[in-house]
């Protein structure tokens, strides 16, 4: 089996997906924008071949790279990156090389905010009303129907980049002083963000799912540069599970990760925010492993290589928490002091890649706890200023 893996070196923990495939006897063919000699040893050892191209946004270069790898190794069976940035590129390459998986038409339908809106509504999953942004008059008319505030966001985007809130006609005029291209306006929803994350097999059956909760909305974190934290739940709330399963079925995913975000409202009900056709971001795949004492990288490799996972079982045992700190703040406790205070609860401390700084902070601590009270105390210690 030949798998083309785009950008196998980033995010930094994604080399585990490649090593897991290699363990299964897969020939993994990497295409990346980092020189071969800069790749970590485990990744180099797990790649059957690596094609360096300095610009992964140059589709012609990726087309030539995939053609070369096909000539060298034969038919390509899968193309993936598991990365939001390259979803459209993957799909175009699959179409051009007749490889199974999401195609460009699927991406156009499922990755845009307006496309998600239609999928959620048709599936009976509550979702904020939204319209394409054409001019200020249209946005104001929409506001008269649903009320302020509204959220203006790119129709295709991730991590609340270039997203903002407007609360009056005057703010709409200011926001649209220059045209916003390919934007949508949505009714603002206030609630805690919880996720529905997991994997579906080739028949669309969910073989693994887990839920995480965020301390703040990503939009607020980015706009106000708050310190974020998010943690795994040991149980998926039943009402969320019902809506999550309904949404996954409506998306029609096969042999794929999903990362769905919902608002939990004050009355305990849920409203879908968006669907992402990839694993959750940051180090959340590692968080899943620590939560369940398992290996989701190997689980994905088993799924991709055709194992029957219908009887796969796992148990979420811990609350694993990503706790962020920002370089712009002065914190009460030094890293050395935190190591002592946190003890065995501290799993990992890492500087975050620059692309994550806005939403996830400059550095992060991963901690693991049996109960939520201890977890919230760890958040307090790490983020105390």
Protein backbone atom coordinates (compact mmCIF):
# COMPACT_ATOMS: atom_id res chain seq x y z
CA UNK A 1 0.00 0.00 0.00
CA UNK A 2 1.38 3.40 -1.04
CA UNK A 3 0.32 6.47 0.97
CA UNK A 4 1.36 10.00 0.02
CA UNK A 5 1.61 12.07 3.21
CA UNK A 6 1.79 15.84 2.70
CA UNK A 7 3.78 17.83 5.28
CA UNK A 8 4.68 14.81 7.46
CA UNK A 9 6.91 17.01 9.65
CA UNK A 10 4.23 19.51 10.73
CA UNK A 11 2.47 19.67 13.11
CA UNK A 12 5.51 18.31 14.97
CA UNK A 13 3.76 15.29 16.53
CA UNK A 14 2.31 14.10 13.22
CA UNK A 15 5.42 12.02 12.52
CA UNK A 16 3.66 9.45 14.75
CA UNK A 17 1.07 8.93 12.00
CA UNK A 18 3.89 8.09 9.58
CA UNK A 19 5.69 5.73 11.95
CA UNK A 20 2.38 3.97 12.68
CA UNK A 21 1.77 3.43 8.97
CA UNK A 22 5.29 2.10 8.54
CA UNK A 23 4.70 -0.41 11.34
CA UNK A 24 1.75 -1.68 9.30
CA UNK A 25 3.98 -2.30 6.29
CA UNK A 26 2.80 0.77 4.36
CA UNK A 27 5.12 2.55 1.94
CA UNK A 28 4.84 6.18 3.09
CA UNK A 29 5.83 8.77 0.49
CA UNK A 30 6.34 12.20 1.99
CA UNK A 31 6.00 15.56 0.28
CA UNK A 32 7.12 18.50 2.40
CA UNK A 33 8.55 21.99 2.45
CA UNK A 34 11.30 21.20 4.95
CA UNK A 35 14.65 19.80 3.69
CA UNK A 36 15.11 16.08 4.21
CA UNK A 37 18.13 16.52 6.49
CA UNK A 38 16.05 18.69 8.86
CA UNK A 39 13.47 15.93 9.47
CA UNK A 40 13.64 14.12 12.79
CA UNK A 41 15.35 10.74 12.70
CA UNK A 42 12.21 8.67 13.36
CA UNK A 43 10.42 10.34 10.45
CA UNK A 44 13.29 9.84 8.00
CA UNK A 45 13.50 6.18 8.98
CA UNK A 46 9.77 5.68 8.39
CA UNK A 47 9.53 7.29 4.96
CA UNK A 48 10.08 5.15 1.88
CA UNK A 49 10.83 8.32 -0.07
CA UNK A 50 10.63 12.06 0.52
CA UNK A 51 10.10 14.75 -2.11
CA UNK A 52 11.15 18.23 -1.02
CA UNK A 53 9.29 21.17 -2.54
CA UNK A 54 9.82 24.64 -1.04
CA UNK A 55 6.22 25.80 -1.53
CA UNK A 56 3.35 23.45 -0.72
CA UNK A 57 0.93 26.08 -2.03
CA UNK A 58 2.31 25.55 -5.55
CA UNK A 59 -0.15 22.97 -6.85
CA UNK A 60 1.79 22.29 -10.05
CA UNK A 61 4.81 21.37 -7.95
CA UNK A 62 2.70 18.96 -5.86
CA UNK A 63 1.24 17.49 -9.04
CA UNK A 64 4.73 16.83 -10.41
CA UNK A 65 5.89 15.41 -7.07
CA UNK A 66 2.96 12.97 -6.88
CA UNK A 67 3.46 11.95 -10.51
CA UNK A 68 7.12 11.26 -9.80
CA UNK A 69 6.28 9.16 -6.74
CA UNK A 70 3.70 7.25 -8.78
CA UNK A 71 6.33 6.53 -11.44
CA UNK A 72 8.75 5.37 -8.75
CA UNK A 73 6.42 3.31 -6.55
CA UNK A 74 3.32 2.49 -8.56
CA UNK A 75 -0.30 3.22 -7.81
CA UNK A 76 -1.05 5.63 -4.96
CA UNK A 77 -3.74 4.23 -2.64
CA UNK A 78 -4.26 7.16 -0.26
CA UNK A 79 -3.29 10.85 -0.08
CA UNK A 80 -3.50 12.66 3.27
CA UNK A 81 -2.04 15.39 5.43
CA UNK A 82 -4.61 15.41 8.28
CA UNK A 83 -3.99 19.16 8.27
CA UNK A 84 -6.57 21.91 7.68
CA UNK A 85 -4.16 23.90 5.50
CA UNK A 86 -3.83 21.18 2.87
CA UNK A 87 -7.38 19.74 2.73
CA UNK A 88 -8.13 21.34 -0.63
CA UNK A 89 -4.76 20.30 -2.07
CA UNK A 90 -5.29 16.69 -0.94
CA UNK A 91 -8.69 16.61 -2.61
CA UNK A 92 -7.38 17.97 -5.93
CA UNK A 93 -4.57 15.41 -5.96
CA UNK A 94 -7.01 12.60 -5.19
CA UNK A 95 -9.16 13.64 -8.11
CA UNK A 96 -6.21 13.94 -10.47
CA UNK A 97 -4.74 10.57 -9.48
CA UNK A 98 -8.05 8.70 -8.97
CA UNK A 99 -7.44 8.08 -5.26
CA UNK A 100 -10.33 7.36 -2.84
CA UNK A 101 -11.27 9.96 -0.24
CA UNK A 102 -12.70 13.46 -0.12
CA UNK A 103 -12.82 15.09 -3.55
CA UNK A 104 -12.89 18.83 -4.44
CA UNK A 105 -16.70 18.87 -4.58
CA UNK A 106 -16.83 17.37 -1.07
CA UNK A 107 -14.43 20.00 0.26
CA UNK A 108 -16.45 22.81 -1.34
CA UNK A 109 -19.60 21.48 0.34
CA UNK A 110 -18.23 20.51 3.75
CA UNK A 111 -15.42 22.93 4.50
CA UNK A 112 -17.18 26.26 3.97
CA UNK A 113 -19.24 27.85 6.73
CA UNK A 114 -22.25 28.14 4.43
CA UNK A 115 -21.87 24.53 3.33
CA UNK A 116 -21.71 23.38 6.96
CA UNK A 117 -24.79 25.49 7.67
CA UNK A 118 -26.77 23.56 5.08
CA UNK A 119 -25.50 20.15 6.23
CA UNK A 120 -26.33 20.85 9.88
CA UNK A 121 -29.77 22.24 9.09
CA UNK A 122 -30.66 19.30 6.84
CA UNK A 123 -29.54 16.87 9.55
CA UNK A 124 -31.69 18.59 12.19
CA UNK A 125 -28.65 19.75 14.17
CA UNK A 126 -29.17 23.24 15.66
CA UNK A 127 -26.82 25.79 14.09
CA UNK A 128 -26.65 29.61 14.06
CA UNK A 129 -28.36 31.29 11.12
CA UNK A 130 -25.95 32.80 8.61
CA UNK A 131 -25.77 34.64 5.29
CA UNK A 132 -23.01 35.54 2.83
CA UNK A 133 -21.70 39.06 3.38
CA UNK A 134 -22.36 41.17 0.28
CA UNK A 135 -22.82 44.68 1.66
CA UNK A 136 -23.62 46.58 4.85
CA UNK A 137 -27.32 46.84 4.01
CA UNK A 138 -27.65 43.07 3.76
CA UNK A 139 -25.87 42.51 7.08
CA UNK A 140 -28.06 45.10 8.81
CA UNK A 141 -31.20 43.48 7.41
CA UNK A 142 -29.99 40.12 8.71
CA UNK A 143 -29.38 41.71 12.12
CA UNK A 144 -32.97 42.96 12.20
CA UNK A 145 -34.10 39.34 11.91
CA UNK A 146 -31.72 37.63 14.34
CA UNK A 147 -30.53 40.52 16.51
CA UNK A 148 -27.09 41.81 17.42
CA UNK A 149 -24.35 40.89 18.03
CA UNK A 150 -23.24 39.13 14.85
CA UNK A 151 -19.99 37.35 14.03
CA UNK A 152 -18.29 38.10 10.72
CA UNK A 153 -15.89 35.37 9.62
CA UNK A 154 -14.26 34.00 6.45
CA UNK A 155 -16.39 31.37 4.71
CA UNK A 156 -13.28 29.16 4.80
CA UNK A 157 -11.06 29.62 7.83
CA UNK A 158 -9.74 28.05 11.00
CA UNK A 159 -8.87 29.18 14.50
CA UNK A 160 -10.90 32.41 14.46
CA UNK A 161 -8.38 34.08 12.14
CA UNK A 162 -9.75 37.37 10.73
CA UNK A 163 -12.98 36.89 12.71
CA UNK A 164 -14.71 39.66 14.64
CA UNK A 165 -17.95 40.61 16.35
CA UNK A 166 -20.23 43.54 15.47
CA UNK A 167 -22.89 44.84 17.85
CA UNK A 168 -24.51 47.75 16.02
CA UNK A 169 -25.21 49.26 12.61
CA UNK A 170 -22.29 51.64 13.17
CA UNK A 171 -19.93 48.72 13.78
CA UNK A 172 -21.19 47.04 10.60
CA UNK A 173 -20.40 50.20 8.64
CA UNK A 174 -16.92 50.34 10.16
CA UNK A 175 -16.27 46.66 9.46
CA UNK A 176 -17.38 47.01 5.84
CA UNK A 177 -15.61 50.28 5.15
CA UNK A 178 -13.50 48.06 2.91
CA UNK A 179 -15.23 45.08 1.28
CA UNK A 180 -14.91 41.72 3.01
CA UNK A 181 -14.47 39.05 0.36
CA UNK A 182 -15.92 35.57 0.90
CA UNK A 183 -17.22 36.34 4.39
CA UNK A 184 -20.32 35.15 6.20
CA UNK A 185 -22.35 36.79 8.95
CA UNK A 186 -23.72 34.54 11.69
CA UNK A 187 -25.85 35.08 14.74
CA UNK A 188 -23.64 35.28 17.82
CA UNK A 189 -24.13 32.43 20.29
CA UNK A 190 -22.96 32.59 23.88
CA UNK A 191 -21.96 29.30 25.47
CA UNK A 192 -19.10 27.02 26.44
CA UNK A 193 -17.35 25.35 23.49
CA UNK A 194 -17.24 21.56 23.58
CA UNK A 195 -15.98 19.27 20.86
CA UNK A 196 -17.01 15.97 19.37
CA UNK A 197 -13.85 14.36 18.00
CA UNK A 198 -13.14 10.96 16.56
CA UNK A 199 -12.67 8.52 13.71
CA UNK A 200 -15.02 6.81 11.28
CA UNK A 201 -14.23 3.61 9.40
CA UNK A 202 -14.73 2.79 5.71
CA UNK A 203 -18.46 2.23 6.25
CA UNK A 204 -18.91 5.46 8.19
CA UNK A 205 -19.15 3.79 11.62
CA UNK A 206 -17.71 5.80 14.50
CA UNK A 207 -14.98 3.65 16.03
CA UNK A 208 -13.61 6.25 18.44
CA UNK A 209 -15.02 9.46 19.89
CA UNK A 210 -14.05 11.81 22.68
CA UNK A 211 -15.13 15.26 23.87
CA UNK A 212 -13.11 18.28 24.99
CA UNK A 213 -14.18 21.51 26.65
CA UNK A 214 -12.63 24.97 26.18
CA UNK A 215 -12.19 27.60 28.87
CA UNK A 216 -13.05 30.35 26.36
CA UNK A 217 -14.20 30.74 22.80
CA UNK A 218 -11.31 30.76 20.32
CA UNK A 219 -12.55 34.07 18.89
CA UNK A 220 -12.33 35.73 22.31
CA UNK A 221 -8.92 34.16 22.95
CA UNK A 222 -7.53 35.48 19.66
CA UNK A 223 -9.12 38.94 19.81
CA UNK A 224 -8.43 39.54 23.50
CA UNK A 225 -5.26 37.40 23.77
CA UNK A 226 -6.60 35.47 26.74
CA UNK A 227 -4.83 32.48 28.27
CA UNK A 228 -6.72 29.46 27.00
CA UNK A 229 -7.06 26.01 28.50
CA UNK A 230 -8.97 23.00 27.21
CA UNK A 231 -9.42 19.53 28.59
CA UNK A 232 -10.74 16.08 27.82
CA UNK A 233 -13.94 14.77 29.34
CA UNK A 234 -14.16 11.21 30.64
CA UNK A 235 -17.68 10.90 29.22
CA UNK A 236 -19.29 12.32 26.11
CA UNK A 237 -22.49 14.07 27.26
CA UNK A 238 -25.45 12.00 25.93
CA UNK A 239 -27.19 14.95 24.24
CA UNK A 240 -23.93 15.90 22.52
CA UNK A 241 -23.40 12.31 21.41
CA UNK A 242 -26.81 12.25 19.74
CA UNK A 243 -26.15 15.45 17.78
CA UNK A 244 -22.54 14.51 17.03
CA UNK A 245 -23.53 11.16 15.55
CA UNK A 246 -26.25 12.83 13.51
CA UNK A 247 -23.79 15.42 12.17
CA UNK A 248 -21.10 12.85 11.33
CA UNK A 249 -23.65 10.80 9.40
CA UNK A 250 -24.82 13.89 7.51
CA UNK A 251 -21.24 14.80 6.59
CA UNK A 252 -20.91 11.39 4.95
CA UNK A 253 -17.33 10.87 6.10
CA UNK A 254 -15.49 7.63 5.42
CA UNK A 255 -12.15 6.43 6.81
CA UNK A 256 -11.58 9.87 8.31
CA UNK A 257 -11.00 11.98 11.40
CA UNK A 258 -13.62 14.52 12.44
CA UNK A 259 -13.46 17.49 14.82
CA UNK A 260 -16.85 19.08 15.47
CA UNK A 261 -17.31 22.13 17.68
CA UNK A 262 -20.52 22.89 19.57
CA UNK A 263 -21.76 25.56 21.94
CA UNK A 264 -23.23 24.25 25.20
CA UNK A 265 -25.92 26.74 26.17
CA UNK A 266 -26.93 27.70 29.70
CA UNK A 267 -29.94 25.34 29.55
CA UNK A 268 -27.69 22.37 28.72
CA UNK A 269 -28.65 22.15 25.05
CA UNK A 270 -26.13 22.21 22.19
CA UNK A 271 -25.73 24.27 19.02
CA UNK A 272 -23.24 23.27 16.33
CA UNK A 273 -20.50 25.78 15.57
CA UNK A 274 -18.55 24.08 12.78
CA UNK A 275 -17.21 20.81 11.41
CA UNK A 276 -13.57 20.14 10.63
CA UNK A 277 -12.53 17.18 8.48
CA UNK A 278 -9.32 16.46 10.36
CA UNK A 279 -7.99 15.62 13.82
CA UNK A 280 -8.37 18.32 16.49
CA UNK A 281 -5.53 20.84 16.51
CA UNK A 282 -2.53 21.51 18.69
CA UNK A 283 -1.41 18.51 20.74
CA UNK A 284 -4.94 17.15 21.15
CA UNK A 285 -4.09 13.82 19.55
CA UNK A 286 -1.51 13.32 22.32
CA UNK A 287 -4.12 14.41 24.85
CA UNK A 288 -6.39 11.65 23.56
CA UNK A 289 -3.64 9.09 24.12
CA UNK A 290 -3.04 10.27 27.69
CA UNK A 291 -6.79 10.37 28.38
CA UNK A 292 -7.43 6.77 27.31
CA UNK A 293 -3.99 5.15 27.73
CA UNK A 294 -4.02 4.23 24.03
CA UNK A 295 -2.41 5.22 20.73
CA UNK A 296 -4.68 7.06 18.28
CA UNK A 297 -1.87 7.24 15.72
CA UNK A 298 -1.77 3.45 15.54
CA UNK A 299 -5.57 3.32 15.59
CA UNK A 300 -5.72 5.56 12.50
CA UNK A 301 -3.09 3.40 10.77
CA UNK A 302 -5.15 0.28 11.51
CA UNK A 303 -8.24 1.98 10.10
CA UNK A 304 -6.43 3.11 6.94
CA UNK A 305 -5.03 -0.35 6.28
CA UNK A 306 -8.41 -2.05 6.56
CA UNK A 307 -8.60 -3.56 10.05
CA UNK A 308 -12.10 -4.38 11.27
CA UNK A 309 -12.44 -2.05 14.27
CA UNK A 310 -16.09 -2.64 15.08
CA UNK A 311 -15.12 -4.42 18.31
CA UNK A 312 -12.46 -1.86 19.30
CA UNK A 313 -12.91 -0.74 22.91
CA UNK A 314 -11.29 1.99 24.99
CA UNK A 315 -11.94 3.78 28.29
CA UNK A 316 -11.42 7.52 28.92
CA UNK A 317 -9.79 7.55 32.36
CA UNK A 318 -8.40 11.03 32.92
CA UNK A 319 -8.97 14.72 32.35
CA UNK A 320 -5.95 15.81 30.29
CA UNK A 321 -5.57 19.57 30.01
CA UNK A 322 -3.68 21.88 27.66
CA UNK A 323 -2.82 24.99 29.69
CA UNK A 324 -1.38 27.92 27.73
CA UNK A 325 0.88 30.78 28.71
CA UNK A 326 1.81 33.85 26.64
CA UNK A 327 5.21 35.48 26.26
CA UNK A 328 3.63 38.91 26.82
CA UNK A 329 2.55 38.13 30.41
CA UNK A 330 4.44 37.95 33.68
CA UNK A 331 3.41 34.82 35.57
CA UNK A 332 3.63 34.23 39.28
CA UNK A 333 5.40 30.88 39.10
CA UNK A 334 8.50 29.97 37.14
CA UNK A 335 8.71 26.78 35.15
CA UNK A 336 10.94 25.21 37.81
CA UNK A 337 8.43 26.08 40.54
CA UNK A 338 5.58 24.58 38.48
CA UNK A 339 7.47 21.34 37.97
CA UNK A 340 7.68 20.99 41.75
CA UNK A 341 4.10 22.08 42.43
CA UNK A 342 2.49 19.93 39.74
CA UNK A 343 4.50 16.78 40.41
CA UNK A 344 3.27 13.66 38.63
CA UNK A 345 0.31 15.55 37.15
CA UNK A 346 2.66 17.27 34.69
CA UNK A 347 2.96 15.25 31.49
CA UNK A 348 4.59 17.60 29.04
CA UNK A 349 5.87 21.15 28.61
CA UNK A 350 6.50 22.53 25.13
CA UNK A 351 7.07 25.80 23.31
CA UNK A 352 4.33 26.12 20.72
CA UNK A 353 5.05 26.58 16.99
CA UNK A 354 4.59 30.21 15.94
CA UNK A 355 1.46 29.44 13.91
CA UNK A 356 -0.32 28.47 17.15
CA UNK A 357 0.68 31.49 19.26
CA UNK A 358 -2.41 33.60 18.62
CA UNK A 359 -4.94 30.91 19.57
CA UNK A 360 -2.97 28.55 21.83
CA UNK A 361 -0.25 30.64 23.47
CA UNK A 362 3.54 30.60 23.24
CA UNK A 363 4.05 27.65 25.56
CA UNK A 364 1.84 24.91 26.89
CA UNK A 365 1.68 22.50 29.78
CA UNK A 366 -0.13 19.18 29.52
CA UNK A 367 -1.43 17.90 32.85
CA UNK A 368 -3.45 14.79 33.75
CA UNK A 369 -5.95 14.42 36.58
CA UNK A 370 -8.53 12.02 37.93
CA UNK A 371 -10.91 14.81 38.94
CA UNK A 372 -11.84 18.22 37.58
CA UNK A 373 -11.15 20.11 40.82
CA UNK A 374 -7.47 19.12 40.73
CA UNK A 375 -7.31 20.05 37.06
CA UNK A 376 -8.73 23.53 37.66
CA UNK A 377 -6.20 24.04 40.44
CA UNK A 378 -3.42 23.21 37.95
CA UNK A 379 -4.84 25.78 35.54
CA UNK A 380 -4.86 28.36 38.33
CA UNK A 381 -1.24 27.66 39.26
CA UNK A 382 0.10 27.77 35.71
CA UNK A 383 -1.79 30.85 34.58
CA UNK A 384 -1.55 32.92 37.80
CA UNK A 385 -0.01 36.30 36.97
